Amino acid sequence: MSRSDWSPEAALARWFPKKSFRDRQLDATRRLQAGHSALVLMPTGTGKSLIYQLPVLASEGVGLIVSPLIALMQQQGQILDGLGARVLPLGGADAQSAQASLRAFSWFDGPAFLFISPERLETDGYLEFLLRRNRSAITLVAIDEAHCISQWGHDFRPAYKAIPNFLDRAFGPGAWPQLLCLTATLDESSQAEIISDFRLCSEDVIRSKNMLRTNLELSFRTYDSSDEKKSALEELLDNHRAEKIIVYAHLKQNRQHGTRALSEHFQALGHRCAPFDADLPIEQKDQTVSDFKDGHVDVVFATGAFGMGVDIPDVRGVIHFLLPESLEQYYQEVGRAGRDGDPAFGILLYTAANARVRRDLIRRAARTDEQVREFWETVCTSGRATPRTISPWTEFQGKDDEHALFYALQRVGALTILARGPGRLQSFERSGPNGAEMLDQLNSATLTGNTTAAIRKLQLDPAETMEKLFALYHDGELKLVRSPDKTLLFEAHELLDEAVSKIVDDISEKIKKRLADFETFVSLIEAGVDPGETLSRRFGSC
């Protein structure tokens, strides 16, 4: 079947015969079928994933799905595998096995889905190489939780900023496949940023007519002290034992009220609970999601990352122990309860100290001219070597602000990404004469096996060199013998005073807006408003 020779209704009847279109699914699918891109805003739990599944299944092409959570890849993979589609989840695989799976992947053999995290996409030069070779196979690129690209918001993930550059290098700046961006909610600033970064237009935006679900009972509760608030949490969890509850604590390192400290406290009280935050090992986070879904864990003490993209319909309650940053964040997080349509609750426990803590967290993101220059000098001028190399996974682990600065420097022209690829030649062994010749040439220029050092000394083009390495590996001339350390090769340029000012002013503007949104949210809580009515006015109809 050709890319456009299908109808959404016929595709749904064939692939999901027991389902009917909900909300704006049909409108979004029709827009994609007509050859356009789309930014779709629909409430959590209304079936956004169907919108990328149908075009890929119906056209029998390949969909590249960028998703922030491995658990979502696994869940969606099981569904699609059951339909007979091929699924390649690249999120949790180690680099060596992921490369091997990609090398064996057939691009023109029926519908297939490649799931990948933005963090892996950021440095995956081999996938970039394969997409260039197999451009005609790609039906759609879907960006799940697209609001994570926005620095205006609370869920900003810097690796999302790498996606446009990756698509440029894989497909060409003016030749991207159709793009589908999915999210539950956006404010105007975040929507404008997504439209700009992903080169969409206002006509591409499809928004649910009613963004608010009606099965949630919501309340704000105010306390004089943290001890009172903790006692209230104990009472709530006792009253809802054996029900699935998410408690958002946000402060993972806090010794008394962080995700891990609270989990330990309530485990001692006999609750089946677990922590979830960004710094835990991937395996532990995956196990927590699995245990929560299967009912082996009742309560998850989590940062805001938990629940994003995870399809667990029978969560009965969301409790905010530390208040969210804005009404939008609150809406998004309480929406993770009651996705099965049954009654559920959202309770926010508030003290004035909460507000002070959250303000401090927002303000910490501020940067001065000196800090921006110091970061640029550390990353871009040490040794003044060209090309330079960096491994975001290791360099920016737990340092989102610095990771964001790296892409801010790129936006103002202070650096240019040249290529993605393995940092060490020891990842490869020769298995053919052409591969041997290439390795010998590169190894002759470096004592340590540093790929970038060899490129530098031999004055090779970084992009062409990585392309040759990947081609030799793909054609069997090189053998991958260990997981490649994935790096970005980039060229540093002069950092002008105007560029520094632009970065600092941009960050300051975003912090100012975040603080304003936060103060608006706090005023609603302290005024004792009904959160359900407030959300209904804000999101009830669009």
Protein backbone atom coordinates (compact mmCIF):
# COMPACT_ATOMS: atom_id res chain seq x y z
CA MET A 1 0.00 0.00 0.00
CA SER A 2 1.33 3.46 -0.85
CA ARG A 3 1.88 6.11 1.76
CA SER A 4 -1.41 7.89 1.01
CA ASP A 5 -3.52 5.02 -0.33
CA TRP A 6 -5.31 4.24 2.93
CA SER A 7 -8.09 5.66 5.04
CA PRO A 8 -8.02 6.10 8.82
CA GLU A 9 -11.37 4.34 9.19
CA ALA A 10 -10.28 1.30 7.18
CA ALA A 11 -6.95 1.14 8.99
CA LEU A 12 -8.66 1.21 12.38
CA ALA A 13 -11.08 -1.54 11.34
CA ARG A 14 -8.21 -3.72 10.14
CA TRP A 15 -5.70 -3.26 12.93
CA PHE A 16 -7.89 -2.40 15.92
CA PRO A 17 -11.34 -3.85 15.12
CA LYS A 18 -12.61 -3.48 18.71
CA LYS A 19 -11.73 0.20 18.93
CA SER A 20 -13.42 3.38 17.76
CA PHE A 21 -11.85 6.79 17.31
CA ARG A 22 -11.78 8.96 20.43
CA ASP A 23 -11.34 12.68 20.93
CA ARG A 24 -9.20 14.14 18.08
CA GLN A 25 -7.64 10.83 16.96
CA LEU A 26 -9.49 10.82 13.64
CA ASP A 27 -8.69 14.47 12.87
CA ALA A 28 -5.01 13.95 13.61
CA THR A 29 -4.81 10.72 11.62
CA ARG A 30 -6.52 12.35 8.63
CA ARG A 31 -4.01 15.20 8.70
CA LEU A 32 -1.13 12.71 8.62
CA GLN A 33 -2.82 10.68 5.88
CA ALA A 34 -3.03 13.88 3.82
CA GLY A 35 0.74 14.29 4.04
CA HIS A 36 1.00 16.99 6.71
CA SER A 37 2.77 17.05 10.07
CA ALA A 38 0.90 17.58 13.33
CA LEU A 39 1.21 18.76 16.92
CA VAL A 40 -1.50 16.96 18.89
CA LEU A 41 -2.64 18.01 22.37
CA MET A 42 -4.93 15.48 24.03
CA PRO A 43 -5.52 14.62 27.70
CA THR A 44 -3.50 11.87 29.33
CA GLY A 45 -5.12 8.50 28.73
CA THR A 46 -7.08 9.37 25.58
CA GLY A 47 -5.00 7.29 23.17
CA LYS A 48 -2.38 9.51 21.57
CA SER A 49 -0.25 6.49 20.62
CA LEU A 50 -2.90 5.28 18.15
CA ILE A 51 -2.21 8.40 16.07
CA TYR A 52 1.33 7.28 15.20
CA GLN A 53 0.48 3.58 15.06
CA LEU A 54 -2.14 3.76 12.30
CA PRO A 55 -0.12 5.61 9.60
CA VAL A 56 2.84 3.27 10.02
CA LEU A 57 0.74 0.11 10.06
CA ALA A 58 -1.44 1.19 7.13
CA SER A 59 1.42 2.33 4.89
CA GLU A 60 3.60 -0.65 5.90
CA GLY A 61 6.54 1.67 6.45
CA VAL A 62 8.88 2.36 9.35
CA GLY A 63 8.09 4.71 12.21
CA LEU A 64 10.80 6.31 14.35
CA ILE A 65 9.29 6.93 17.78
CA VAL A 66 11.23 9.15 20.18
CA SER A 67 10.04 8.38 23.70
CA PRO A 68 11.41 9.47 27.08
CA LEU A 69 10.76 6.24 28.97
CA ILE A 70 11.89 2.70 28.33
CA ALA A 71 8.77 1.38 30.04
CA LEU A 72 6.60 3.01 27.38
CA MET A 73 8.70 1.44 24.63
CA GLN A 74 8.17 -1.96 26.19
CA GLN A 75 4.42 -1.48 26.66
CA GLN A 76 3.82 -0.20 23.14
CA GLY A 77 6.18 -2.82 21.75
CA GLN A 78 4.10 -5.63 23.24
CA ILE A 79 0.92 -4.22 21.69
CA LEU A 80 2.47 -3.78 18.25
CA ASP A 81 4.23 -7.13 18.34
CA GLY A 82 0.86 -8.73 18.97
CA LEU A 83 -0.39 -7.13 15.75
CA GLY A 84 2.42 -8.68 13.75
CA ALA A 85 4.43 -5.48 13.37
CA ARG A 86 8.17 -5.55 13.88
CA VAL A 87 9.38 -3.64 16.93
CA LEU A 88 12.93 -2.58 17.72
CA PRO A 89 13.22 -0.92 21.16
CA LEU A 90 16.61 0.80 21.39
CA GLY A 91 16.09 2.50 24.74
CA GLY A 92 17.26 -0.10 27.24
CA ALA A 93 19.67 -2.03 25.04
CA ASP A 94 23.39 -1.59 25.57
CA ALA A 95 25.15 0.15 22.71
CA GLN A 96 26.73 -3.00 21.28
CA SER A 97 23.50 -5.03 21.13
CA ALA A 98 21.61 -1.99 19.80
CA GLN A 99 24.12 -1.62 16.97
CA ALA A 100 23.83 -5.33 16.17
CA SER A 101 20.01 -5.12 16.12
CA LEU A 102 20.11 -2.12 13.81
CA ARG A 103 22.60 -3.83 11.51
CA ALA A 104 20.28 -6.82 11.14
CA PHE A 105 17.14 -4.72 10.77
CA SER A 106 15.22 -4.98 7.48
CA TRP A 107 13.91 -1.59 6.41
CA PHE A 108 11.56 -2.72 3.64
CA ASP A 109 9.80 -5.74 5.09
CA GLY A 110 6.41 -4.53 6.33
CA PRO A 111 5.39 -2.19 9.15
CA ALA A 112 8.00 -1.60 11.84
CA PHE A 113 8.58 0.69 14.79
CA LEU A 114 11.94 1.88 16.10
CA PHE A 115 11.63 3.19 19.66
CA ILE A 116 14.51 5.31 20.93
CA SER A 117 15.10 7.71 23.81
CA PRO A 118 16.12 11.31 23.06
CA GLU A 119 19.32 10.71 25.04
CA ARG A 120 20.35 7.80 22.79
CA LEU A 121 19.24 9.61 19.64
CA GLU A 122 21.48 12.54 20.60
CA THR A 123 24.67 10.55 19.93
CA ASP A 124 23.60 7.63 17.72
CA GLY A 125 25.64 8.16 14.57
CA TYR A 126 24.95 4.65 13.27
CA LEU A 127 21.18 5.17 13.33
CA GLU A 128 21.72 8.51 11.59
CA PHE A 129 23.78 6.68 8.92
CA LEU A 130 21.08 4.02 8.42
CA LEU A 131 18.29 6.58 8.17
CA ARG A 132 20.21 8.40 5.43
CA ARG A 133 20.56 5.12 3.54
CA ASN A 134 16.91 4.12 3.99
CA ARG A 135 15.14 7.45 3.85
CA SER A 136 12.32 6.16 1.66
CA ALA A 137 11.33 3.57 4.26
CA ILE A 138 10.46 6.15 6.91
CA THR A 139 6.74 6.87 7.14
CA LEU A 140 6.76 9.03 10.24
CA VAL A 141 8.87 10.47 13.05
CA ALA A 142 6.84 10.75 16.26
CA ILE A 143 8.03 12.81 19.23
CA ASP A 144 6.22 11.68 22.37
CA GLU A 145 5.99 14.04 25.36
CA ALA A 146 7.03 16.83 22.99
CA HIS A 147 6.68 19.47 25.72
CA CYS A 148 10.04 18.22 27.06
CA ILE A 149 11.82 20.27 24.37
CA SER A 150 10.50 23.50 25.88
CA GLN A 151 12.75 25.42 28.24
CA TRP A 152 9.68 27.36 29.35
CA GLY A 153 8.33 24.30 31.11
CA HIS A 154 8.91 22.14 34.16
CA ASP A 155 9.71 18.92 32.27
CA PHE A 156 12.51 20.26 30.05
CA ARG A 157 14.92 17.52 28.92
CA PRO A 158 17.96 18.97 27.12
CA ALA A 159 18.44 15.94 24.84
CA TYR A 160 15.18 16.89 23.08
CA LYS A 161 17.05 19.93 21.75
CA ALA A 162 19.31 17.56 19.78
CA ILE A 163 16.42 16.12 17.75
CA PRO A 164 16.20 18.84 15.05
CA ASN A 165 19.95 18.64 14.36
CA PHE A 166 19.74 14.84 14.21
CA LEU A 167 16.89 15.03 11.69
CA ASP A 168 18.81 17.58 9.61
CA ARG A 169 21.84 15.30 9.40
CA ALA A 170 19.82 12.13 8.78
CA PHE A 171 17.35 13.47 6.20
CA GLY A 172 18.52 16.94 5.17
CA PRO A 173 17.26 20.31 6.51
CA GLY A 174 14.38 20.54 4.03
CA ALA A 175 13.58 16.87 3.68
CA TRP A 176 12.31 15.63 7.05
CA PRO A 177 9.66 12.90 7.01
CA GLN A 178 6.24 13.73 8.38
CA LEU A 179 6.52 14.74 12.01
CA LEU A 180 4.02 14.04 14.78
CA CYS A 181 4.49 15.79 18.13
CA LEU A 182 2.36 14.50 21.02
CA THR A 183 1.70 15.99 24.44
CA ALA A 184 -1.05 16.42 27.01
CA THR A 185 -0.77 20.14 27.61
CA LEU A 186 1.18 23.22 26.55
CA ASP A 187 1.17 26.87 27.46
CA GLU A 188 1.51 29.41 24.65
CA SER A 189 5.28 29.89 25.08
CA SER A 190 5.99 26.16 25.00
CA GLN A 191 3.74 25.67 21.98
CA ALA A 192 5.57 28.43 20.11
CA GLU A 193 8.93 26.83 20.95
CA ILE A 194 7.81 23.41 19.68
CA ILE A 195 6.44 24.92 16.46
CA SER A 196 9.72 26.78 15.93
CA ASP A 197 12.12 23.94 16.79
CA PHE A 198 10.22 21.30 14.80
CA ARG A 199 9.39 23.65 11.90
CA LEU A 200 5.64 23.27 12.18
CA CYS A 201 2.92 25.82 11.48
CA SER A 202 -0.19 26.89 13.35
CA GLU A 203 -2.37 24.77 11.04
CA ASP A 204 -0.54 21.67 12.30
CA VAL A 205 -1.89 22.13 15.85
CA ILE A 206 -4.76 19.81 16.79
CA ARG A 207 -6.11 20.33 20.31
CA SER A 208 -8.72 18.36 22.19
CA LYS A 209 -11.95 20.29 22.60
CA ASN A 210 -12.09 19.28 26.24
CA MET A 211 -8.71 18.79 27.90
CA LEU A 212 -10.15 17.90 31.32
CA ARG A 213 -11.34 14.50 32.49
CA THR A 214 -14.39 14.47 34.76
CA ASN A 215 -13.66 11.43 36.97
CA LEU A 216 -11.09 13.17 39.19
CA GLU A 217 -11.93 14.50 42.66
CA LEU A 218 -9.39 17.23 43.39
CA SER A 219 -8.51 19.23 46.50
CA PHE A 220 -5.87 21.58 47.95
CA ARG A 221 -5.11 21.15 51.67
CA THR A 222 -3.04 23.62 53.66
CA TYR A 223 -0.98 22.84 56.80
CA ASP A 224 1.07 24.93 59.21
CA SER A 225 4.13 22.67 59.32
CA SER A 226 5.90 19.88 57.49
CA ASP A 227 5.21 17.53 60.41
CA GLU A 228 1.47 18.15 60.11
CA LYS A 229 1.67 17.55 56.39
CA LYS A 230 3.56 14.29 56.84
CA SER A 231 0.98 13.08 59.36
CA ALA A 232 -1.73 13.90 56.83
CA LEU A 233 0.13 11.84 54.22
CA GLU A 234 0.34 8.91 56.63
CA GLU A 235 -3.42 9.09 57.21
CA LEU A 236 -4.16 9.31 53.49
CA LEU A 237 -2.04 6.29 52.62
CA ASP A 238 -3.55 4.30 55.49
CA ASN A 239 -7.03 5.11 54.18
CA HIS A 240 -6.08 3.99 50.67
CA ARG A 241 -4.08 0.84 51.34
CA ALA A 242 -3.87 -1.62 48.43
CA GLU A 243 -4.72 1.19 45.99
CA LYS A 244 -2.21 2.45 43.45
CA ILE A 245 -1.01 5.89 44.55
CA ILE A 246 1.66 8.22 43.13
CA VAL A 247 3.19 10.63 45.67
CA TYR A 248 5.15 13.44 44.03
CA ALA A 249 7.94 14.58 46.33
CA HIS A 250 10.37 15.95 43.70
CA LEU A 251 13.31 16.39 46.09
CA LYS A 252 15.25 13.17 45.64
CA GLN A 253 18.20 14.16 47.87
CA ASN A 254 16.11 15.57 50.75
CA ARG A 255 16.94 13.50 53.83
CA GLN A 256 13.45 13.70 55.32
CA HIS A 257 11.01 14.37 52.51
CA GLY A 258 12.75 13.15 49.36
CA THR A 259 11.58 10.23 47.24
CA ARG A 260 13.92 7.72 48.85
CA ALA A 261 13.53 8.92 52.44
CA LEU A 262 9.74 8.85 52.20
CA SER A 263 9.79 5.41 50.60
CA GLU A 264 11.93 4.03 53.43
CA HIS A 265 9.69 5.67 56.05
CA PHE A 266 6.49 4.21 54.65
CA GLN A 267 8.03 0.81 54.03
CA ALA A 268 8.74 0.73 57.77
CA LEU A 269 5.03 1.45 58.33
CA GLY A 270 4.10 -1.61 56.28
CA HIS A 271 3.34 -0.05 52.91
CA ARG A 272 4.46 -1.69 49.68
CA CYS A 273 6.27 1.24 48.10
CA ALA A 274 9.28 2.24 46.03
CA PRO A 275 11.13 5.43 45.04
CA PHE A 276 11.53 6.72 41.49
CA ASP A 277 13.88 9.52 40.45
CA ALA A 278 16.28 10.34 37.63
CA ASP A 279 19.44 9.26 39.45
CA LEU A 280 18.34 5.69 40.13
CA PRO A 281 19.73 2.94 37.85
CA ILE A 282 17.64 2.33 34.75
CA GLU A 283 17.04 -1.28 35.78
CA GLN A 284 15.64 -0.20 39.15
CA LYS A 285 13.35 2.38 37.56
CA ASP A 286 12.06 -0.17 35.04
CA GLN A 287 11.44 -2.66 37.85
CA THR A 288 9.49 -0.06 39.83
CA VAL A 289 7.25 0.71 36.85
CA SER A 290 6.69 -3.01 36.25
CA ASP A 291 5.96 -3.74 39.92
CA PHE A 292 3.57 -0.80 40.15
CA LYS A 293 1.72 -1.86 37.01
CA ASP A 294 1.44 -5.48 38.16
CA GLY A 295 0.29 -4.58 41.68
CA HIS A 296 3.41 -5.66 43.55
CA VAL A 297 3.96 -2.04 44.63
CA ASP A 298 1.08 0.16 45.81
CA VAL A 299 2.79 3.52 46.34
CA VAL A 300 5.51 5.18 44.26
CA PHE A 301 7.33 8.19 45.73
CA ALA A 302 8.45 10.00 42.63
CA THR A 303 9.88 13.04 40.96
CA GLY A 304 7.94 14.56 38.08
CA ALA A 305 9.52 12.15 35.58
CA PHE A 306 7.41 9.24 36.84
CA GLY A 307 4.22 8.64 34.95
CA MET A 308 5.33 10.44 31.79
CA GLY A 309 4.30 8.16 28.96
CA VAL A 310 3.56 5.22 31.26
CA ASP A 311 0.22 3.55 30.59
CA ILE A 312 -1.03 2.41 34.02
CA PRO A 313 -4.78 3.02 33.86
CA ASP A 314 -5.79 1.99 37.40
CA VAL A 315 -3.87 4.58 39.44
CA ARG A 316 -6.43 5.65 42.03
CA GLY A 317 -4.74 8.72 43.39
CA VAL A 318 -2.03 11.35 42.97
CA ILE A 319 -0.76 13.15 46.07
CA HIS A 320 1.49 16.18 45.80
CA PHE A 321 3.71 16.30 48.87
CA LEU A 322 5.72 19.11 47.29
CA LEU A 323 3.66 21.43 45.16
CA PRO A 324 4.17 21.55 41.37
CA GLU A 325 5.67 24.51 39.57
CA SER A 326 2.54 25.63 37.76
CA LEU A 327 -1.11 24.91 37.10
CA GLU A 328 -0.03 23.15 33.87
CA GLN A 329 2.28 20.79 35.74
CA TYR A 330 -0.41 20.09 38.33
CA TYR A 331 -2.91 19.32 35.56
CA GLN A 332 -0.49 17.00 33.83
CA GLU A 333 0.45 15.08 36.98
CA VAL A 334 -3.03 14.62 38.46
CA GLY A 335 -4.06 13.39 35.02
CA ARG A 336 -2.03 10.25 35.69
CA ALA A 337 -4.79 9.05 38.02
CA GLY A 338 -8.02 7.44 36.86
CA ARG A 339 -7.08 6.83 33.26
CA ASP A 340 -9.42 3.81 33.27
CA GLY A 341 -12.38 6.17 33.72
CA ASP A 342 -13.16 5.02 37.26
CA PRO A 343 -13.24 7.55 40.13
CA ALA A 344 -9.84 8.78 41.28
CA PHE A 345 -8.46 11.60 43.40
CA GLY A 346 -5.76 14.24 43.40
CA ILE A 347 -4.76 15.87 46.69
CA LEU A 348 -2.16 18.60 47.09
CA LEU A 349 -0.65 19.02 50.58
CA TYR A 350 0.66 22.55 51.03
CA THR A 351 2.74 24.52 53.50
CA ALA A 352 4.26 27.96 53.01
CA ALA A 353 7.70 26.34 53.27
CA ASN A 354 6.85 24.40 50.09
CA ALA A 355 6.62 27.64 48.17
CA ARG A 356 10.02 28.83 49.40
CA VAL A 357 11.66 25.55 48.37
CA ARG A 358 10.11 25.63 44.90
CA ARG A 359 11.10 29.27 44.33
CA ASP A 360 14.69 28.41 45.21
CA LEU A 361 14.67 25.48 42.79
CA ILE A 362 13.47 27.69 39.93
CA ARG A 363 15.97 30.47 40.67
CA ARG A 364 18.92 28.07 40.70
CA ALA A 365 18.68 27.83 36.90
CA ALA A 366 19.79 31.46 36.50
CA ARG A 367 23.16 32.10 34.83
CA THR A 368 25.51 35.09 34.70
CA ASP A 369 27.67 36.23 31.78
CA GLU A 370 30.72 34.91 33.64
CA GLN A 371 29.18 31.46 34.14
CA VAL A 372 28.28 31.16 30.45
CA ARG A 373 31.81 32.17 29.39
CA GLU A 374 33.37 29.81 31.92
CA PHE A 375 31.30 26.91 30.58
CA TRP A 376 32.18 27.78 26.97
CA GLU A 377 35.88 27.96 27.82
CA THR A 378 35.75 24.59 29.59
CA VAL A 379 33.90 22.82 26.80
CA CYS A 380 35.02 24.68 23.70
CA THR A 381 38.49 26.16 24.15
CA SER A 382 40.53 23.81 26.34
CA GLY A 383 43.47 22.79 24.13
CA ARG A 384 41.84 24.66 21.21
CA ALA A 385 41.64 21.41 19.25
CA THR A 386 39.41 21.02 16.20
CA PRO A 387 37.30 19.00 16.00
CA ARG A 388 36.46 18.70 19.68
CA THR A 389 34.54 15.83 21.23
CA ILE A 390 32.09 15.38 24.07
CA SER A 391 30.00 12.52 25.45
CA PRO A 392 26.75 14.03 26.76
CA TRP A 393 25.80 10.85 28.65
CA THR A 394 28.86 11.16 30.88
CA GLU A 395 29.67 14.87 30.71
CA PHE A 396 26.16 16.08 31.56
CA GLN A 397 24.87 13.27 33.78
CA GLY A 398 22.71 14.99 36.41
CA LYS A 399 23.66 18.42 35.01
CA ASP A 400 20.64 19.47 32.96
CA ASP A 401 21.49 23.16 33.18
CA GLU A 402 24.93 22.59 31.64
CA HIS A 403 23.44 20.26 29.03
CA ALA A 404 20.99 23.02 28.09
CA LEU A 405 23.86 25.53 27.87
CA PHE A 406 25.61 23.27 25.35
CA TYR A 407 22.64 23.58 22.98
CA ALA A 408 22.23 27.27 23.76
CA LEU A 409 25.81 27.77 22.51
CA GLN A 410 24.87 25.91 19.36
CA ARG A 411 21.82 28.13 18.80
CA VAL A 412 23.90 31.33 19.03
CA GLY A 413 26.55 29.98 16.64
CA ALA A 414 29.31 29.37 19.20
CA LEU A 415 29.63 25.71 18.20
CA THR A 416 28.59 23.41 15.35
CA ILE A 417 27.90 19.67 15.56
CA LEU A 418 30.01 17.94 12.90
CA ALA A 419 29.33 14.24 13.44
CA ARG A 420 28.20 11.52 15.83
CA GLY A 421 30.19 8.35 16.35
CA PRO A 422 32.39 6.08 18.48
CA GLY A 423 35.07 7.80 20.53
CA ARG A 424 37.42 4.79 20.65
CA LEU A 425 38.78 2.70 17.79
CA GLN A 426 39.09 -0.26 20.17
CA SER A 427 35.36 -0.83 19.69
CA PHE A 428 36.16 -2.36 16.28
CA GLU A 429 38.17 -5.29 14.97
CA ARG A 430 39.08 -5.83 11.34
CA SER A 431 37.14 -8.51 9.50
CA GLY A 432 37.92 -7.58 5.91
CA PRO A 433 40.71 -5.89 3.92
CA ASN A 434 38.95 -2.53 3.60
CA GLY A 435 38.19 -2.46 7.30
CA ALA A 436 41.79 -3.35 8.10
CA GLU A 437 43.05 -0.54 5.89
CA MET A 438 40.77 1.99 7.58
CA LEU A 439 41.73 0.93 11.11
CA ASP A 440 45.44 0.91 10.24
CA GLN A 441 45.19 4.44 8.87
CA LEU A 442 43.42 5.79 11.95
CA ASN A 443 45.52 3.88 14.49
CA SER A 444 48.70 5.19 12.87
CA ALA A 445 47.72 8.66 14.05
CA THR A 446 46.87 7.91 17.69
CA LEU A 447 48.60 5.98 20.47
CA THR A 448 45.45 5.80 22.58
CA GLY A 449 42.89 4.72 19.97
CA ASN A 450 41.11 8.08 20.21
CA THR A 451 39.03 8.44 17.04
CA THR A 452 38.86 12.23 17.22
CA ALA A 453 42.61 12.56 17.78
CA ALA A 454 43.24 10.49 14.65
CA ILE A 455 40.80 12.59 12.61
CA ARG A 456 42.55 15.71 13.87
CA LYS A 457 46.08 14.56 13.10
CA LEU A 458 45.22 13.17 9.67
CA GLN A 459 43.13 16.27 8.90
CA LEU A 460 40.16 14.16 7.87
CA ASP A 461 36.58 15.33 7.53
CA PRO A 462 34.77 14.13 10.71
CA ALA A 463 31.43 13.41 9.03
CA GLU A 464 33.01 11.54 6.11
CA THR A 465 35.22 9.50 8.46
CA MET A 466 32.31 8.41 10.64
CA GLU A 467 30.29 7.60 7.51
CA LYS A 468 33.11 5.33 6.29
CA LEU A 469 33.42 3.60 9.67
CA PHE A 470 29.70 2.91 9.80
CA ALA A 471 29.62 1.72 6.18
CA LEU A 472 32.52 -0.68 6.79
CA TYR A 473 30.82 -2.02 9.90
CA HIS A 474 27.49 -2.37 8.11
CA ASP A 475 29.11 -4.18 5.17
CA GLY A 476 30.97 -6.63 7.42
CA GLU A 477 34.46 -5.17 6.94
CA LEU A 478 34.61 -4.21 10.62
CA LYS A 479 33.37 -6.16 13.61
CA LEU A 480 32.02 -4.50 16.74
CA VAL A 481 33.68 -6.18 19.73
CA ARG A 482 32.63 -3.87 22.57
CA SER A 483 30.02 -1.23 23.26
CA PRO A 484 31.08 1.97 21.50
CA ASP A 485 31.35 5.10 23.61
CA LYS A 486 29.10 7.47 21.72
CA THR A 487 30.35 11.00 21.25
CA LEU A 488 29.54 14.23 19.49
CA LEU A 489 32.26 15.81 17.36
CA PHE A 490 31.92 19.57 17.16
CA GLU A 491 33.71 22.70 16.09
CA ALA A 492 33.98 25.68 18.44
CA HIS A 493 33.59 29.24 17.19
CA GLU A 494 34.11 32.63 18.76
CA LEU A 495 31.69 33.45 21.58
CA LEU A 496 30.65 37.05 21.03
CA ASP A 497 29.48 39.32 23.83
CA GLU A 498 26.09 39.67 22.14
CA ALA A 499 25.71 35.88 22.12
CA VAL A 500 26.49 35.65 25.84
CA SER A 501 23.94 38.36 26.57
CA LYS A 502 21.35 36.58 24.43
CA ILE A 503 21.83 33.30 26.33
CA VAL A 504 21.69 34.98 29.75
CA ASP A 505 18.68 37.11 28.82
CA ASP A 506 16.87 34.09 27.37
CA ILE A 507 17.40 32.08 30.56
CA SER A 508 16.35 35.05 32.70
CA GLU A 509 13.18 35.53 30.67
CA LYS A 510 12.23 31.89 31.10
CA ILE A 511 12.92 31.96 34.84
CA LYS A 512 10.83 35.12 35.17
CA LYS A 513 7.89 33.44 33.45
CA ARG A 514 8.26 30.25 35.48
CA LEU A 515 8.24 32.27 38.70
CA ALA A 516 5.19 34.23 37.54
CA ASP A 517 3.33 31.00 36.72
CA PHE A 518 4.35 29.60 40.09
CA GLU A 519 3.13 32.65 42.02
CA THR A 520 -0.18 32.45 40.19
CA PHE A 521 -0.51 28.81 41.21
CA VAL A 522 0.40 29.55 44.85
CA SER A 523 -2.17 32.35 45.00
CA LEU A 524 -4.86 29.91 43.85
CA ILE A 525 -3.91 27.43 46.58
CA GLU A 526 -3.76 30.05 49.33
CA ALA A 527 -7.09 31.52 48.22
CA GLY A 528 -8.71 28.14 48.80
CA VAL A 529 -10.15 27.83 45.31
CA ASP A 530 -11.71 24.63 44.03
CA PRO A 531 -9.00 23.04 41.84
CA GLY A 532 -11.56 21.23 39.71
CA GLU A 533 -13.33 24.47 38.82
CA THR A 534 -9.99 26.21 38.22
CA LEU A 535 -8.82 23.49 35.84
CA SER A 536 -12.19 23.48 34.11
CA ARG A 537 -11.88 27.19 33.37
CA ARG A 538 -8.30 26.77 32.16
CA PHE A 539 -8.52 23.47 30.25
CA GLY A 540 -12.19 22.55 30.07
CA SER A 541 -12.78 23.74 26.51
CA CYS A 542 -10.43 24.95 23.81
